[in-house]
Amino acid sequence: MTKTDDVTKMVQDMMAAFPVDAGAFQDAFKSQAALGEKLSKVALEAAEKSTEISSKWTKDTISRLGEVTKLKDEPADYSKAVTDYASAQTEMVAETMAAFAEVAKKVQMETVELMLAAGKDFSEDATAAVKKATNEVTEAAKKATTAK
């Protein structure tokens, strides 16, 4: 009769020969969490600034509409008030869109900087992890060949 091999023991021996560094996974998770935190901060700051811009635009629009709705002495004064409002609104739209564009530009710049920094950190971490794994595998292979 043939004796069956203990597969569990074989798998355990194989896993012991090729150790996995759980610390590397933990470090990678921490790096990802830190990047997520920084990106969230950028997004929240942009949302806050955009809200401020929208609020100012709304307040200015309402205040200028007050001038349009005031009682006028002459019918031509209503026409002038609407024309003045439209002209002011056109100027406000241009200023507001420029402010939104600045917010978007800032978000883009900060995001690119964060991604470049994260890529550099990831590259350095990956290089260190591969080097460490290579050394461990080389040592395991040496032990395996000298054990025979």
C-alpha atoms as a PDB file:
ATOM      1  CA  MET A   1       0.000   0.000   0.000  1.00  0.00           C
ATOM      2  CA  THR A   2       1.111   3.503  -0.697  1.00  0.00           C
ATOM      3  CA  LYS A   3       1.236   6.109   1.970  1.00  0.00           C
ATOM      4  CA  THR A   4      -0.529   9.395   1.152  1.00  0.00           C
ATOM      5  CA  ASP A   5       1.390  12.579   1.733  1.00  0.00           C
ATOM      6  CA  ASP A   6       0.185  15.046   4.335  1.00  0.00           C
ATOM      7  CA  VAL A   7      -0.870  17.917   2.072  1.00  0.00           C
ATOM      8  CA  THR A   8      -1.396  20.307   4.986  1.00  0.00           C
ATOM      9  CA  LYS A   9       2.184  19.774   6.119  1.00  0.00           C
ATOM     10  CA  MET A  10       3.458  20.310   2.572  1.00  0.00           C
ATOM     11  CA  VAL A  11       1.554  23.593   2.229  1.00  0.00           C
ATOM     12  CA  GLN A  12       2.789  24.785   5.627  1.00  0.00           C
ATOM     13  CA  ASP A  13       6.372  23.960   4.672  1.00  0.00           C
ATOM     14  CA  MET A  14       5.979  25.738   1.345  1.00  0.00           C
ATOM     15  CA  MET A  15       4.490  28.842   2.997  1.00  0.00           C
ATOM     16  CA  ALA A  16       7.285  28.854   5.571  1.00  0.00           C
ATOM     17  CA  ALA A  17       9.852  28.709   2.762  1.00  0.00           C
ATOM     18  CA  PHE A  18       8.317  31.815   1.146  1.00  0.00           C
ATOM     19  CA  PRO A  19       7.401  34.109   4.027  1.00  0.00           C
ATOM     20  CA  VAL A  20       5.015  36.997   3.466  1.00  0.00           C
ATOM     21  CA  ASP A  21       5.716  40.237   5.245  1.00  0.00           C
ATOM     22  CA  ALA A  22       2.370  41.306   6.745  1.00  0.00           C
ATOM     23  CA  GLY A  23       3.999  44.590   7.750  1.00  0.00           C
ATOM     24  CA  ALA A  24       4.312  45.520   4.079  1.00  0.00           C
ATOM     25  CA  PHE A  25       0.561  45.099   3.631  1.00  0.00           C
ATOM     26  CA  GLN A  26      -0.062  47.143   6.759  1.00  0.00           C
ATOM     27  CA  ASP A  27       2.281  49.895   5.555  1.00  0.00           C
ATOM     28  CA  ALA A  28       0.570  49.916   2.152  1.00  0.00           C
ATOM     29  CA  PHE A  29      -2.821  50.263   3.824  1.00  0.00           C
ATOM     30  CA  LYS A  30      -1.571  53.145   5.966  1.00  0.00           C
ATOM     31  CA  SER A  31      -0.127  54.871   2.896  1.00  0.00           C
ATOM     32  CA  GLN A  32      -3.422  54.497   1.022  1.00  0.00           C
ATOM     33  CA  ALA A  33      -5.367  55.798   4.013  1.00  0.00           C
ATOM     34  CA  ALA A  34      -3.055  58.822   4.296  1.00  0.00           C
ATOM     35  CA  LEU A  35      -3.455  59.552   0.583  1.00  0.00           C
ATOM     36  CA  GLY A  36      -7.229  59.249   0.909  1.00  0.00           C
ATOM     37  CA  GLU A  37      -7.191  61.680   3.822  1.00  0.00           C
ATOM     38  CA  LYS A  38      -5.155  64.237   1.849  1.00  0.00           C
ATOM     39  CA  LEU A  39      -7.375  63.914  -1.238  1.00  0.00           C
ATOM     40  CA  SER A  40     -10.483  64.282   0.927  1.00  0.00           C
ATOM     41  CA  LYS A  41      -9.047  67.442   2.447  1.00  0.00           C
ATOM     42  CA  VAL A  42      -8.492  68.914  -1.026  1.00  0.00           C
ATOM     43  CA  ALA A  43     -12.049  68.022  -2.075  1.00  0.00           C
ATOM     44  CA  LEU A  44     -13.618  69.424   1.094  1.00  0.00           C
ATOM     45  CA  GLU A  45     -11.679  72.691   0.832  1.00  0.00           C
ATOM     46  CA  ALA A  46     -12.811  73.034  -2.790  1.00  0.00           C
ATOM     47  CA  ALA A  47     -16.429  72.358  -1.808  1.00  0.00           C
ATOM     48  CA  GLU A  48     -16.220  74.957   0.955  1.00  0.00           C
ATOM     49  CA  LYS A  49     -14.735  77.590  -1.362  1.00  0.00           C
ATOM     50  CA  SER A  50     -17.280  76.802  -4.102  1.00  0.00           C
ATOM     51  CA  THR A  51     -20.095  77.183  -1.589  1.00  0.00           C
ATOM     52  CA  GLU A  52     -18.739  80.572  -0.521  1.00  0.00           C
ATOM     53  CA  ILE A  53     -18.581  81.705  -4.154  1.00  0.00           C
ATOM     54  CA  SER A  54     -22.138  80.522  -4.853  1.00  0.00           C
ATOM     55  CA  SER A  55     -23.441  82.158  -1.696  1.00  0.00           C
ATOM     56  CA  LYS A  56     -21.830  85.501  -2.558  1.00  0.00           C
ATOM     57  CA  TRP A  57     -23.199  85.317  -6.101  1.00  0.00           C
ATOM     58  CA  THR A  58     -26.712  84.612  -4.794  1.00  0.00           C
ATOM     59  CA  LYS A  59     -26.573  87.441  -2.253  1.00  0.00           C
ATOM     60  CA  ASP A  60     -25.343  89.912  -4.875  1.00  0.00           C
ATOM     61  CA  THR A  61     -28.029  88.823  -7.334  1.00  0.00           C
ATOM     62  CA  ILE A  62     -30.812  89.231  -4.767  1.00  0.00           C
ATOM     63  CA  SER A  63     -29.498  92.606  -3.689  1.00  0.00           C
ATOM     64  CA  ARG A  64     -29.385  93.851  -7.292  1.00  0.00           C
ATOM     65  CA  LEU A  65     -32.871  92.518  -7.969  1.00  0.00           C
ATOM     66  CA  GLY A  66     -34.048  94.767  -5.153  1.00  0.00           C
ATOM     67  CA  GLU A  67     -33.082  97.755  -7.261  1.00  0.00           C
ATOM     68  CA  VAL A  68     -35.045  96.415 -10.239  1.00  0.00           C
ATOM     69  CA  THR A  69     -38.232  95.949  -8.199  1.00  0.00           C
ATOM     70  CA  LYS A  70     -38.293  99.427  -6.619  1.00  0.00           C
ATOM     71  CA  LEU A  71     -41.048 101.802  -7.627  1.00  0.00           C
ATOM     72  CA  LYS A  72     -40.017 104.074 -10.497  1.00  0.00           C
ATOM     73  CA  ASP A  73     -41.456 107.443 -11.548  1.00  0.00           C
ATOM     74  CA  GLU A  74     -41.159 106.931 -15.290  1.00  0.00           C
ATOM     75  CA  PRO A  75     -41.703 103.798 -17.412  1.00  0.00           C
ATOM     76  CA  ALA A  76     -38.287 104.352 -19.010  1.00  0.00           C
ATOM     77  CA  ASP A  77     -36.702 104.025 -15.548  1.00  0.00           C
ATOM     78  CA  TYR A  78     -37.852 100.391 -15.402  1.00  0.00           C
ATOM     79  CA  SER A  79     -36.121  99.701 -18.686  1.00  0.00           C
ATOM     80  CA  LYS A  80     -32.944 101.358 -17.422  1.00  0.00           C
ATOM     81  CA  ALA A  81     -33.072  99.366 -14.153  1.00  0.00           C
ATOM     82  CA  VAL A  82     -33.395  96.068 -16.055  1.00  0.00           C
ATOM     83  CA  THR A  83     -30.595  97.046 -18.420  1.00  0.00           C
ATOM     84  CA  ASP A  84     -28.350  98.004 -15.488  1.00  0.00           C
ATOM     85  CA  TYR A  85     -29.208  94.721 -13.761  1.00  0.00           C
ATOM     86  CA  ALA A  86     -28.423  92.682 -16.870  1.00  0.00           C
ATOM     87  CA  SER A  87     -25.125  94.505 -17.337  1.00  0.00           C
ATOM     88  CA  ALA A  88     -24.137  93.986 -13.700  1.00  0.00           C
ATOM     89  CA  GLN A  89     -25.233  90.342 -13.845  1.00  0.00           C
ATOM     90  CA  THR A  90     -23.070  89.749 -16.917  1.00  0.00           C
ATOM     91  CA  GLU A  91     -20.071  91.148 -15.082  1.00  0.00           C
ATOM     92  CA  MET A  92     -20.868  89.074 -11.979  1.00  0.00           C
ATOM     93  CA  VAL A  93     -21.143  85.892 -14.029  1.00  0.00           C
ATOM     94  CA  ALA A  94     -17.716  86.474 -15.533  1.00  0.00           C
ATOM     95  CA  GLU A  95     -16.179  87.128 -12.089  1.00  0.00           C
ATOM     96  CA  THR A  96     -17.920  84.123 -10.559  1.00  0.00           C
ATOM     97  CA  MET A  97     -16.860  81.764 -13.332  1.00  0.00           C
ATOM     98  CA  ALA A  98     -13.279  83.002 -12.963  1.00  0.00           C
ATOM     99  CA  ALA A  99     -13.453  82.298  -9.217  1.00  0.00           C
ATOM    100  CA  PHE A 100     -14.785  78.771  -9.863  1.00  0.00           C
ATOM    101  CA  ALA A 101     -12.017  78.235 -12.424  1.00  0.00           C
ATOM    102  CA  GLU A 102      -9.407  79.227  -9.820  1.00  0.00           C
ATOM    103  CA  VAL A 103     -10.850  76.694  -7.367  1.00  0.00           C
ATOM    104  CA  ALA A 104     -10.780  73.983 -10.040  1.00  0.00           C
ATOM    105  CA  LYS A 105      -7.214  74.898 -11.003  1.00  0.00           C
ATOM    106  CA  LYS A 106      -6.093  74.708  -7.363  1.00  0.00           C
ATOM    107  CA  VAL A 107      -7.764  71.310  -6.911  1.00  0.00           C
ATOM    108  CA  GLN A 108      -6.106  70.016 -10.063  1.00  0.00           C
ATOM    109  CA  MET A 109      -2.656  71.244  -9.013  1.00  0.00           C
ATOM    110  CA  GLU A 110      -2.939  69.827  -5.486  1.00  0.00           C
ATOM    111  CA  THR A 111      -4.252  66.495  -6.762  1.00  0.00           C
ATOM    112  CA  VAL A 112      -1.406  66.149  -9.254  1.00  0.00           C
ATOM    113  CA  GLU A 113       1.132  66.972  -6.530  1.00  0.00           C
ATOM    114  CA  LEU A 114      -0.409  64.402  -4.186  1.00  0.00           C
ATOM    115  CA  MET A 115      -0.503  61.714  -6.878  1.00  0.00           C
ATOM    116  CA  LEU A 116       3.114  62.351  -7.862  1.00  0.00           C
ATOM    117  CA  ALA A 117       4.212  62.191  -4.228  1.00  0.00           C
ATOM    118  CA  ALA A 118       2.166  59.020  -3.693  1.00  0.00           C
ATOM    119  CA  GLY A 119       3.672  57.457  -6.823  1.00  0.00           C
ATOM    120  CA  LYS A 120       7.160  58.251  -5.604  1.00  0.00           C
ATOM    121  CA  ASP A 121       6.411  56.834  -2.136  1.00  0.00           C
ATOM    122  CA  PHE A 122       4.783  53.746  -3.648  1.00  0.00           C
ATOM    123  CA  SER A 123       7.767  53.200  -5.939  1.00  0.00           C
ATOM    124  CA  GLU A 124      10.198  53.465  -3.030  1.00  0.00           C
ATOM    125  CA  ASP A 125       8.082  51.129  -0.868  1.00  0.00           C
ATOM    126  CA  ALA A 126       7.715  48.620  -3.687  1.00  0.00           C
ATOM    127  CA  THR A 127      11.451  48.654  -4.379  1.00  0.00           C
ATOM    128  CA  ALA A 128      12.214  48.057  -0.700  1.00  0.00           C
ATOM    129  CA  ALA A 129       9.621  45.268  -0.462  1.00  0.00           C
ATOM    130  CA  VAL A 130      10.927  43.516  -3.592  1.00  0.00           C
ATOM    131  CA  LYS A 131      14.491  43.789  -2.363  1.00  0.00           C
ATOM    132  CA  LYS A 132      13.521  42.352   1.028  1.00  0.00           C
ATOM    133  CA  ALA A 133      11.481  39.545  -0.560  1.00  0.00           C
ATOM    134  CA  THR A 134      14.348  38.722  -2.923  1.00  0.00           C
ATOM    135  CA  ASN A 135      16.750  38.447  -0.009  1.00  0.00           C
ATOM    136  CA  GLU A 136      14.334  36.225   1.929  1.00  0.00           C
ATOM    137  CA  VAL A 137      13.692  33.951  -1.036  1.00  0.00           C
ATOM    138  CA  THR A 138      17.436  33.705  -1.725  1.00  0.00           C
ATOM    139  CA  GLU A 139      18.073  32.760   1.895  1.00  0.00           C
ATOM    140  CA  ALA A 140      15.223  30.196   1.833  1.00  0.00           C
ATOM    141  CA  ALA A 141      16.589  28.708  -1.387  1.00  0.00           C
ATOM    142  CA  LYS A 142      20.081  28.457   0.103  1.00  0.00           C
ATOM    143  CA  LYS A 143      18.685  26.726   3.188  1.00  0.00           C
ATOM    144  CA  ALA A 144      16.695  24.336   1.004  1.00  0.00           C
ATOM    145  CA  THR A 145      19.724  23.389  -1.100  1.00  0.00           C
ATOM    146  CA  THR A 146      22.019  22.936   1.902  1.00  0.00           C
ATOM    147  CA  ALA A 147      19.398  20.832   3.725  1.00  0.00           C
ATOM    148  CA  LYS A 148      19.408  18.194   0.965  1.00  0.00           C
END
